[in-house]
All heavy atoms as atom14 arrays in JSON, in Angstrom:
{
  "sequence": "GIAVWLDAELDTLVERTARKETRPLLAHGNPREILGRLKREREP",
  "atom14_mask": [
    [1, 1, 1, 1, 0, 0, 0, 0, 0, 0, 0, 0, 0, 0],
    [1, 1, 1, 1, 1, 1, 1, 1, 0, 0, 0, 0, 0, 0],
    [1, 1, 1, 1, 1, 0, 0, 0, 0, 0, 0, 0, 0, 0],
    [1, 1, 1, 1, 1, 1, 1, 0, 0, 0, 0, 0, 0, 0],
    [1, 1, 1, 1, 1, 1, 1, 1, 1, 1, 1, 1, 1, 1],
    [1, 1, 1, 1, 1, 1, 1, 1, 0, 0, 0, 0, 0, 0],
    [1, 1, 1, 1, 1, 1, 1, 1, 0, 0, 0, 0, 0, 0],
    [1, 1, 1, 1, 1, 0, 0, 0, 0, 0, 0, 0, 0, 0],
    [1, 1, 1, 1, 1, 1, 1, 1, 1, 0, 0, 0, 0, 0],
    [1, 1, 1, 1, 1, 1, 1, 1, 0, 0, 0, 0, 0, 0],
    [1, 1, 1, 1, 1, 1, 1, 1, 0, 0, 0, 0, 0, 0],
    [1, 1, 1, 1, 1, 1, 1, 0, 0, 0, 0, 0, 0, 0],
    [1, 1, 1, 1, 1, 1, 1, 1, 0, 0, 0, 0, 0, 0],
    [1, 1, 1, 1, 1, 1, 1, 0, 0, 0, 0, 0, 0, 0],
    [1, 1, 1, 1, 1, 1, 1, 1, 1, 0, 0, 0, 0, 0],
    [1, 1, 1, 1, 1, 1, 1, 1, 1, 1, 1, 0, 0, 0],
    [1, 1, 1, 1, 1, 1, 1, 0, 0, 0, 0, 0, 0, 0],
    [1, 1, 1, 1, 1, 0, 0, 0, 0, 0, 0, 0, 0, 0],
    [1, 1, 1, 1, 1, 1, 1, 1, 1, 1, 1, 0, 0, 0],
    [1, 1, 1, 1, 1, 1, 1, 1, 1, 0, 0, 0, 0, 0],
    [1, 1, 1, 1, 1, 1, 1, 1, 1, 0, 0, 0, 0, 0],
    [1, 1, 1, 1, 1, 1, 1, 0, 0, 0, 0, 0, 0, 0],
    [1, 1, 1, 1, 1, 1, 1, 1, 1, 1, 1, 0, 0, 0],
    [1, 1, 1, 1, 1, 1, 1, 0, 0, 0, 0, 0, 0, 0],
    [1, 1, 1, 1, 1, 1, 1, 1, 0, 0, 0, 0, 0, 0],
    [1, 1, 1, 1, 1, 1, 1, 1, 0, 0, 0, 0, 0, 0],
    [1, 1, 1, 1, 1, 0, 0, 0, 0, 0, 0, 0, 0, 0],
    [1, 1, 1, 1, 1, 1, 1, 1, 1, 1, 0, 0, 0, 0],
    [1, 1, 1, 1, 0, 0, 0, 0, 0, 0, 0, 0, 0, 0],
    [1, 1, 1, 1, 1, 1, 1, 1, 0, 0, 0, 0, 0, 0],
    [1, 1, 1, 1, 1, 1, 1, 0, 0, 0, 0, 0, 0, 0],
    [1, 1, 1, 1, 1, 1, 1, 1, 1, 1, 1, 0, 0, 0],
    [1, 1, 1, 1, 1, 1, 1, 1, 1, 0, 0, 0, 0, 0],
    [1, 1, 1, 1, 1, 1, 1, 1, 0, 0, 0, 0, 0, 0],
    [1, 1, 1, 1, 1, 1, 1, 1, 0, 0, 0, 0, 0, 0],
    [1, 1, 1, 1, 0, 0, 0, 0, 0, 0, 0, 0, 0, 0],
    [1, 1, 1, 1, 1, 1, 1, 1, 1, 1, 1, 0, 0, 0],
    [1, 1, 1, 1, 1, 1, 1, 1, 0, 0, 0, 0, 0, 0],
    [1, 1, 1, 1, 1, 1, 1, 1, 1, 0, 0, 0, 0, 0],
    [1, 1, 1, 1, 1, 1, 1, 1, 1, 1, 1, 0, 0, 0],
    [1, 1, 1, 1, 1, 1, 1, 1, 1, 0, 0, 0, 0, 0],
    [1, 1, 1, 1, 1, 1, 1, 1, 1, 1, 1, 0, 0, 0],
    [1, 1, 1, 1, 1, 1, 1, 1, 1, 0, 0, 0, 0, 0],
    [1, 1, 1, 1, 1, 1, 1, 0, 0, 0, 0, 0, 0, 0]
  ],
  "atom14_positions": [
    [[0.77, -1.25, 0.02], [0.04, 0.03, 0.03], [0.94, 1.3, 0.02], [2.09, 1.25, 0.06], [0.0, 0.0, 0.0], [0.0, 0.0, 0.0], [0.0, 0.0, 0.0], [0.0, 0.0, 0.0], [0.0, 0.0, 0.0], [0.0, 0.0, 0.0], [0.0, 0.0, 0.0], [0.0, 0.0, 0.0], [0.0, 0.0, 0.0], [0.0, 0.0, 0.0]],
    [[0.17, 2.42, -0.01], [0.81, 3.68, 0.15], [0.34, 4.18, 1.49], [-0.76, 4.57, 1.73], [0.44, 4.69, -0.92], [0.79, 4.13, -2.39], [1.09, 6.07, -0.64], [0.3, 5.03, -3.48], [0.0, 0.0, 0.0], [0.0, 0.0, 0.0], [0.0, 0.0, 0.0], [0.0, 0.0, 0.0], [0.0, 0.0, 0.0], [0.0, 0.0, 0.0]],
    [[1.28, 3.95, 2.45], [0.81, 4.38, 3.85], [1.03, 5.85, 4.19], [2.07, 6.34, 3.95], [1.71, 3.64, 4.87], [0.0, 0.0, 0.0], [0.0, 0.0, 0.0], [0.0, 0.0, 0.0], [0.0, 0.0, 0.0], [0.0, 0.0, 0.0], [0.0, 0.0, 0.0], [0.0, 0.0, 0.0], [0.0, 0.0, 0.0], [0.0, 0.0, 0.0]],
    [[-0.01, 6.55, 4.54], [-0.1, 7.85, 4.91], [-0.47, 7.99, 6.4], [-1.48, 7.65, 6.96], [-1.22, 8.67, 4.13], [-1.2, 10.12, 4.42], [-0.94, 8.5, 2.67], [0.0, 0.0, 0.0], [0.0, 0.0, 0.0], [0.0, 0.0, 0.0], [0.0, 0.0, 0.0], [0.0, 0.0, 0.0], [0.0, 0.0, 0.0], [0.0, 0.0, 0.0]],
    [[0.59, 8.62, 7.12], [0.32, 8.85, 8.52], [-0.26, 10.22, 8.76], [0.43, 11.29, 8.48], [1.76, 8.77, 9.36], [1.74, 9.09, 10.69], [0.55, 9.21, 11.54], [2.81, 9.82, 11.59], [0.95, 9.72, 12.74], [2.27, 9.95, 12.86], [4.17, 9.99, 11.13], [3.14, 10.5, 13.86], [4.88, 10.47, 12.22], [4.56, 10.7, 13.5]],
    [[-1.53, 10.11, 9.14], [-2.24, 11.5, 9.57], [-1.87, 11.73, 10.98], [-2.16, 10.95, 11.87], [-3.75, 11.34, 9.29], [-4.17, 11.42, 7.89], [-5.66, 11.34, 7.82], [-3.82, 12.78, 7.27], [0.0, 0.0, 0.0], [0.0, 0.0, 0.0], [0.0, 0.0, 0.0], [0.0, 0.0, 0.0], [0.0, 0.0, 0.0], [0.0, 0.0, 0.0]],
    [[-1.39, 12.89, 11.39], [-0.85, 13.25, 12.7], [-1.72, 14.46, 13.2], [-2.21, 15.3, 12.39], [0.49, 13.42, 12.64], [1.2, 13.37, 14.0], [0.62, 13.12, 14.86], [2.43, 13.86, 14.01], [0.0, 0.0, 0.0], [0.0, 0.0, 0.0], [0.0, 0.0, 0.0], [0.0, 0.0, 0.0], [0.0, 0.0, 0.0], [0.0, 0.0, 0.0]],
    [[-1.79, 14.58, 14.46], [-2.4, 15.66, 14.97], [-1.79, 15.99, 16.48], [-1.3, 15.04, 17.07], [-3.9, 15.53, 15.14], [0.0, 0.0, 0.0], [0.0, 0.0, 0.0], [0.0, 0.0, 0.0], [0.0, 0.0, 0.0], [0.0, 0.0, 0.0], [0.0, 0.0, 0.0], [0.0, 0.0, 0.0], [0.0, 0.0, 0.0], [0.0, 0.0, 0.0]],
    [[-1.95, 17.2, 16.96], [-1.48, 17.57, 18.31], [-2.37, 16.82, 19.28], [-3.55, 16.58, 18.99], [-1.49, 19.02, 18.55], [-0.47, 19.81, 17.68], [0.97, 19.43, 17.87], [1.25, 18.9, 18.97], [1.79, 19.68, 16.98], [0.0, 0.0, 0.0], [0.0, 0.0, 0.0], [0.0, 0.0, 0.0], [0.0, 0.0, 0.0], [0.0, 0.0, 0.0]],
    [[-1.99, 16.61, 20.54], [-2.71, 15.9, 21.61], [-4.05, 16.74, 21.83], [-5.08, 16.13, 22.05], [-1.94, 15.78, 22.92], [-2.66, 15.06, 24.03], [-3.06, 13.74, 23.67], [-1.64, 15.09, 25.31], [0.0, 0.0, 0.0], [0.0, 0.0, 0.0], [0.0, 0.0, 0.0], [0.0, 0.0, 0.0], [0.0, 0.0, 0.0], [0.0, 0.0, 0.0]],
    [[-4.03, 18.13, 21.89], [-5.21, 18.89, 22.3], [-6.33, 18.49, 21.11], [-7.47, 18.44, 21.5], [-4.83, 20.29, 22.29], [-4.11, 20.71, 23.58], [-4.07, 19.87, 24.49], [-3.44, 21.78, 23.52], [0.0, 0.0, 0.0], [0.0, 0.0, 0.0], [0.0, 0.0, 0.0], [0.0, 0.0, 0.0], [0.0, 0.0, 0.0], [0.0, 0.0, 0.0]],
    [[-5.88, 18.48, 19.92], [-6.81, 18.16, 18.83], [-7.43, 16.86, 18.97], [-8.59, 16.76, 18.82], [-6.08, 18.34, 17.45], [-5.62, 19.63, 17.25], [-7.04, 18.06, 16.33], [0.0, 0.0, 0.0], [0.0, 0.0, 0.0], [0.0, 0.0, 0.0], [0.0, 0.0, 0.0], [0.0, 0.0, 0.0], [0.0, 0.0, 0.0], [0.0, 0.0, 0.0]],
    [[-6.63, 15.78, 19.34], [-7.12, 14.55, 19.43], [-8.15, 14.43, 20.72], [-9.17, 13.83, 20.58], [-5.93, 13.51, 19.78], [-4.93, 13.34, 18.64], [-3.79, 12.47, 19.07], [-5.61, 12.82, 17.38], [0.0, 0.0, 0.0], [0.0, 0.0, 0.0], [0.0, 0.0, 0.0], [0.0, 0.0, 0.0], [0.0, 0.0, 0.0], [0.0, 0.0, 0.0]],
    [[-7.77, 15.17, 21.77], [-8.7, 15.12, 22.91], [-10.04, 15.74, 22.52], [-11.09, 15.15, 22.92], [-8.08, 15.87, 24.11], [-9.18, 16.05, 25.2], [-6.78, 15.1, 24.61], [0.0, 0.0, 0.0], [0.0, 0.0, 0.0], [0.0, 0.0, 0.0], [0.0, 0.0, 0.0], [0.0, 0.0, 0.0], [0.0, 0.0, 0.0], [0.0, 0.0, 0.0]],
    [[-10.04, 16.89, 21.8], [-11.14, 17.54, 21.53], [-12.1, 16.73, 20.49], [-13.3, 16.6, 20.68], [-10.83, 18.94, 20.83], [-12.12, 19.77, 20.58], [-12.7, 19.52, 19.31], [-12.08, 19.15, 18.36], [-13.92, 19.79, 19.24], [0.0, 0.0, 0.0], [0.0, 0.0, 0.0], [0.0, 0.0, 0.0], [0.0, 0.0, 0.0], [0.0, 0.0, 0.0]],
    [[-11.46, 16.13, 19.44], [-12.21, 15.33, 18.42], [-12.78, 14.12, 19.12], [-13.93, 13.71, 18.79], [-11.23, 15.03, 17.4], [-10.94, 16.26, 16.48], [-10.03, 15.93, 15.31], [-9.77, 17.0, 14.53], [-8.78, 16.92, 13.51], [-8.15, 15.83, 13.27], [-8.56, 18.01, 12.82], [0.0, 0.0, 0.0], [0.0, 0.0, 0.0], [0.0, 0.0, 0.0]],
    [[-12.0, 13.27, 19.96], [-12.43, 12.08, 20.43], [-13.61, 12.24, 21.4], [-14.42, 11.33, 21.7], [-11.35, 11.26, 21.11], [-10.69, 12.05, 22.07], [-10.27, 10.8, 20.09], [0.0, 0.0, 0.0], [0.0, 0.0, 0.0], [0.0, 0.0, 0.0], [0.0, 0.0, 0.0], [0.0, 0.0, 0.0], [0.0, 0.0, 0.0], [0.0, 0.0, 0.0]],
    [[-13.55, 13.37, 22.07], [-14.75, 13.72, 23.02], [-16.1, 13.6, 22.44], [-17.24, 13.7, 22.99], [-14.5, 14.95, 23.74], [0.0, 0.0, 0.0], [0.0, 0.0, 0.0], [0.0, 0.0, 0.0], [0.0, 0.0, 0.0], [0.0, 0.0, 0.0], [0.0, 0.0, 0.0], [0.0, 0.0, 0.0], [0.0, 0.0, 0.0], [0.0, 0.0, 0.0]],
    [[-16.05, 13.87, 20.97], [-17.38, 13.93, 20.24], [-18.12, 12.61, 20.15], [-19.19, 12.48, 19.84], [-17.15, 14.5, 18.91], [-16.5, 15.85, 18.72], [-16.05, 16.21, 17.49], [-15.32, 17.43, 17.46], [-14.7, 17.88, 16.22], [-14.76, 17.17, 15.13], [-13.93, 18.94, 16.38], [0.0, 0.0, 0.0], [0.0, 0.0, 0.0], [0.0, 0.0, 0.0]],
    [[-17.32, 11.39, 20.39], [-17.88, 10.08, 20.27], [-17.61, 9.38, 21.58], [-16.54, 9.46, 22.18], [-17.3, 9.4, 19.12], [-17.53, 9.98, 17.8], [-16.86, 9.26, 16.64], [-17.4, 7.82, 16.53], [-16.79, 7.12, 15.35], [0.0, 0.0, 0.0], [0.0, 0.0, 0.0], [0.0, 0.0, 0.0], [0.0, 0.0, 0.0], [0.0, 0.0, 0.0]],
    [[-18.72, 8.63, 21.96], [-18.5, 7.72, 23.27], [-18.2, 6.34, 22.82], [-18.73, 5.5, 23.77], [-19.64, 8.06, 24.12], [-19.82, 9.5, 24.63], [-20.95, 9.73, 25.58], [-21.72, 8.84, 25.81], [-21.12, 10.82, 26.09], [0.0, 0.0, 0.0], [0.0, 0.0, 0.0], [0.0, 0.0, 0.0], [0.0, 0.0, 0.0], [0.0, 0.0, 0.0]],
    [[-17.81, 6.02, 21.73], [-17.61, 4.65, 21.32], [-16.16, 4.19, 21.17], [-15.85, 3.41, 20.25], [-18.39, 4.39, 19.95], [-17.95, 5.35, 18.97], [-19.94, 4.61, 20.08], [0.0, 0.0, 0.0], [0.0, 0.0, 0.0], [0.0, 0.0, 0.0], [0.0, 0.0, 0.0], [0.0, 0.0, 0.0], [0.0, 0.0, 0.0], [0.0, 0.0, 0.0]],
    [[-15.34, 4.8, 21.99], [-13.9, 4.49, 21.93], [-13.67, 3.62, 23.13], [-13.4, 4.06, 24.2], [-13.08, 5.82, 22.02], [-13.54, 6.91, 21.17], [-12.97, 6.8, 19.79], [-13.21, 7.96, 18.92], [-12.84, 8.15, 17.71], [-12.13, 7.27, 17.03], [-13.09, 9.25, 16.99], [0.0, 0.0, 0.0], [0.0, 0.0, 0.0], [0.0, 0.0, 0.0]],
    [[-13.51, 2.32, 22.9], [-13.35, 1.4, 24.04], [-11.98, 1.67, 24.81], [-11.9, 1.36, 25.94], [-13.16, -0.1, 23.34], [-13.18, 0.27, 21.89], [-13.58, 1.67, 21.61], [0.0, 0.0, 0.0], [0.0, 0.0, 0.0], [0.0, 0.0, 0.0], [0.0, 0.0, 0.0], [0.0, 0.0, 0.0], [0.0, 0.0, 0.0], [0.0, 0.0, 0.0]],
    [[-10.94, 2.0, 24.05], [-9.62, 2.33, 24.82], [-9.71, 3.53, 25.74], [-8.91, 3.81, 26.58], [-8.52, 2.45, 23.81], [-8.18, 1.18, 23.12], [-7.06, 1.4, 22.11], [-7.79, 0.01, 24.04], [0.0, 0.0, 0.0], [0.0, 0.0, 0.0], [0.0, 0.0, 0.0], [0.0, 0.0, 0.0], [0.0, 0.0, 0.0], [0.0, 0.0, 0.0]],
    [[-10.75, 4.36, 25.61], [-10.89, 5.62, 26.35], [-12.02, 5.52, 27.41], [-12.27, 6.45, 28.13], [-11.19, 6.86, 25.46], [-10.23, 7.1, 24.39], [-10.61, 8.37, 23.57], [-8.78, 7.32, 24.86], [0.0, 0.0, 0.0], [0.0, 0.0, 0.0], [0.0, 0.0, 0.0], [0.0, 0.0, 0.0], [0.0, 0.0, 0.0], [0.0, 0.0, 0.0]],
    [[-12.61, 4.2, 27.52], [-13.68, 4.2, 28.3], [-13.36, 4.15, 29.96], [-14.29, 4.45, 30.65], [-14.43, 2.83, 27.94], [0.0, 0.0, 0.0], [0.0, 0.0, 0.0], [0.0, 0.0, 0.0], [0.0, 0.0, 0.0], [0.0, 0.0, 0.0], [0.0, 0.0, 0.0], [0.0, 0.0, 0.0], [0.0, 0.0, 0.0], [0.0, 0.0, 0.0]],
    [[-12.25, 3.75, 30.13], [-11.83, 3.63, 31.59], [-10.53, 4.43, 31.8], [-9.36, 4.0, 31.6], [-11.64, 2.14, 31.97], [-12.78, 1.38, 31.54], [-13.94, 1.29, 32.29], [-12.87, 0.36, 30.55], [-14.71, 0.41, 31.65], [-14.13, -0.14, 30.7], [0.0, 0.0, 0.0], [0.0, 0.0, 0.0], [0.0, 0.0, 0.0], [0.0, 0.0, 0.0]],
    [[-10.7, 5.6, 32.39], [-9.56, 6.41, 32.66], [-9.62, 7.79, 32.16], [-10.73, 8.34, 31.52], [0.0, 0.0, 0.0], [0.0, 0.0, 0.0], [0.0, 0.0, 0.0], [0.0, 0.0, 0.0], [0.0, 0.0, 0.0], [0.0, 0.0, 0.0], [0.0, 0.0, 0.0], [0.0, 0.0, 0.0], [0.0, 0.0, 0.0], [0.0, 0.0, 0.0]],
    [[-8.71, 8.67, 32.32], [-8.64, 10.0, 31.81], [-8.27, 10.03, 30.29], [-7.13, 9.53, 29.91], [-7.57, 10.81, 32.66], [-7.47, 12.25, 32.21], [-7.18, 12.55, 31.05], [-7.87, 13.13, 33.17], [0.0, 0.0, 0.0], [0.0, 0.0, 0.0], [0.0, 0.0, 0.0], [0.0, 0.0, 0.0], [0.0, 0.0, 0.0], [0.0, 0.0, 0.0]],
    [[-9.21, 10.47, 29.39], [-8.96, 10.39, 27.97], [-7.6, 11.11, 27.61], [-6.89, 10.59, 26.64], [-10.14, 11.16, 27.4], [-11.22, 10.82, 28.48], [-10.49, 10.95, 29.79], [0.0, 0.0, 0.0], [0.0, 0.0, 0.0], [0.0, 0.0, 0.0], [0.0, 0.0, 0.0], [0.0, 0.0, 0.0], [0.0, 0.0, 0.0], [0.0, 0.0, 0.0]],
    [[-7.21, 12.24, 28.19], [-6.05, 12.93, 27.83], [-4.9, 12.12, 28.2], [-3.97, 11.98, 27.38], [-6.06, 14.36, 28.55], [-4.64, 15.06, 28.32], [-4.64, 16.37, 28.88], [-5.4, 17.32, 28.09], [-4.85, 17.97, 27.08], [-3.6, 17.85, 26.71], [-5.61, 18.83, 26.34], [0.0, 0.0, 0.0], [0.0, 0.0, 0.0], [0.0, 0.0, 0.0]],
    [[-4.84, 11.5, 29.35], [-3.7, 10.77, 29.86], [-3.55, 9.54, 28.8], [-2.36, 9.1, 28.53], [-3.88, 10.32, 31.22], [-3.72, 11.51, 32.17], [-3.86, 11.14, 33.69], [-4.22, 9.88, 33.86], [-3.76, 11.99, 34.47], [0.0, 0.0, 0.0], [0.0, 0.0, 0.0], [0.0, 0.0, 0.0], [0.0, 0.0, 0.0], [0.0, 0.0, 0.0]],
    [[-4.65, 8.78, 28.54], [-4.66, 7.58, 27.76], [-4.21, 7.96, 26.33], [-3.29, 7.3, 25.65], [-6.09, 6.9, 27.7], [-6.42, 6.5, 29.06], [-6.04, 5.82, 26.71], [-7.85, 5.97, 29.2], [0.0, 0.0, 0.0], [0.0, 0.0, 0.0], [0.0, 0.0, 0.0], [0.0, 0.0, 0.0], [0.0, 0.0, 0.0], [0.0, 0.0, 0.0]],
    [[-4.79, 8.99, 25.72], [-4.32, 9.43, 24.44], [-2.93, 9.86, 24.32], [-2.15, 9.47, 23.42], [-5.19, 10.54, 23.89], [-6.57, 10.38, 23.48], [-7.47, 11.55, 23.34], [-6.61, 9.58, 22.15], [0.0, 0.0, 0.0], [0.0, 0.0, 0.0], [0.0, 0.0, 0.0], [0.0, 0.0, 0.0], [0.0, 0.0, 0.0], [0.0, 0.0, 0.0]],
    [[-2.37, 10.55, 25.28], [-0.94, 10.97, 25.46], [-0.06, 9.66, 25.54], [1.01, 9.61, 24.8], [0.0, 0.0, 0.0], [0.0, 0.0, 0.0], [0.0, 0.0, 0.0], [0.0, 0.0, 0.0], [0.0, 0.0, 0.0], [0.0, 0.0, 0.0], [0.0, 0.0, 0.0], [0.0, 0.0, 0.0], [0.0, 0.0, 0.0], [0.0, 0.0, 0.0]],
    [[-0.43, 8.75, 26.21], [0.32, 7.5, 26.4], [0.31, 6.73, 25.09], [1.46, 6.3, 24.58], [-0.15, 6.66, 27.51], [0.53, 5.08, 27.49], [0.0, 4.47, 28.81], [-1.5, 4.25, 28.7], [-2.15, 3.28, 28.02], [-1.42, 2.6, 27.18], [-3.47, 3.25, 27.94], [0.0, 0.0, 0.0], [0.0, 0.0, 0.0], [0.0, 0.0, 0.0]],
    [[-0.84, 6.55, 24.51], [-0.99, 5.8, 23.21], [-0.13, 6.61, 22.1], [0.52, 5.83, 21.34], [-2.43, 5.66, 22.82], [-3.31, 4.69, 23.63], [-4.69, 4.8, 23.24], [-2.78, 3.33, 23.52], [0.0, 0.0, 0.0], [0.0, 0.0, 0.0], [0.0, 0.0, 0.0], [0.0, 0.0, 0.0], [0.0, 0.0, 0.0], [0.0, 0.0, 0.0]],
    [[-0.27, 7.8, 22.07], [0.44, 8.55, 21.06], [2.02, 8.33, 21.15], [2.71, 8.09, 20.17], [0.14, 9.93, 21.13], [0.53, 10.92, 19.94], [-0.14, 12.37, 20.16], [0.12, 13.14, 18.91], [1.51, 13.39, 18.52], [0.0, 0.0, 0.0], [0.0, 0.0, 0.0], [0.0, 0.0, 0.0], [0.0, 0.0, 0.0], [0.0, 0.0, 0.0]],
    [[2.51, 8.49, 22.38], [3.94, 8.14, 22.63], [4.3, 6.65, 22.21], [5.4, 6.57, 21.57], [4.3, 8.41, 24.07], [4.31, 9.89, 24.54], [4.9, 10.03, 25.91], [4.19, 9.3, 26.9], [3.07, 9.74, 27.63], [2.67, 11.01, 27.39], [2.54, 9.05, 28.55], [0.0, 0.0, 0.0], [0.0, 0.0, 0.0], [0.0, 0.0, 0.0]],
    [[3.47, 5.71, 22.62], [3.87, 4.38, 22.33], [3.76, 4.06, 20.88], [4.58, 3.22, 20.33], [2.74, 3.36, 23.11], [3.07, 3.46, 24.64], [1.95, 2.69, 25.32], [0.94, 2.26, 24.8], [2.05, 2.55, 26.54], [0.0, 0.0, 0.0], [0.0, 0.0, 0.0], [0.0, 0.0, 0.0], [0.0, 0.0, 0.0], [0.0, 0.0, 0.0]],
    [[2.71, 4.71, 20.18], [2.62, 4.33, 18.82], [3.34, 5.18, 17.76], [3.57, 4.58, 16.64], [1.08, 4.51, 18.5], [0.18, 3.46, 19.19], [-1.27, 3.76, 18.88], [-2.14, 2.75, 19.62], [-3.44, 2.75, 19.55], [-4.1, 3.74, 18.95], [-4.15, 1.76, 20.15], [0.0, 0.0, 0.0], [0.0, 0.0, 0.0], [0.0, 0.0, 0.0]],
    [[3.86, 6.26, 18.1], [4.61, 7.07, 17.15], [5.84, 6.39, 16.52], [6.07, 6.52, 15.29], [4.96, 8.39, 17.84], [3.81, 9.42, 17.81], [4.18, 10.76, 18.25], [5.41, 11.02, 18.77], [3.35, 11.69, 18.09], [0.0, 0.0, 0.0], [0.0, 0.0, 0.0], [0.0, 0.0, 0.0], [0.0, 0.0, 0.0], [0.0, 0.0, 0.0]],
    [[6.65, 5.6, 17.25], [7.68, 4.94, 16.63], [7.21, 3.92, 15.4], [7.92, 3.68, 14.4], [8.33, 4.02, 17.7], [7.96, 4.77, 18.98], [6.65, 5.22, 18.66], [0.0, 0.0, 0.0], [0.0, 0.0, 0.0], [0.0, 0.0, 0.0], [0.0, 0.0, 0.0], [0.0, 0.0, 0.0], [0.0, 0.0, 0.0], [0.0, 0.0, 0.0]]
  ]
}
């Protein structure tokens, strides 16, 4: 395939994901902390 990494700042991700309540990985805990951790872990 042609892989395109779409990236965004953490604040943007927090604001956008708050619009939907169907994110299982964000269901238990602080969404900002979870998103920040996932972003750090997945960026490599």
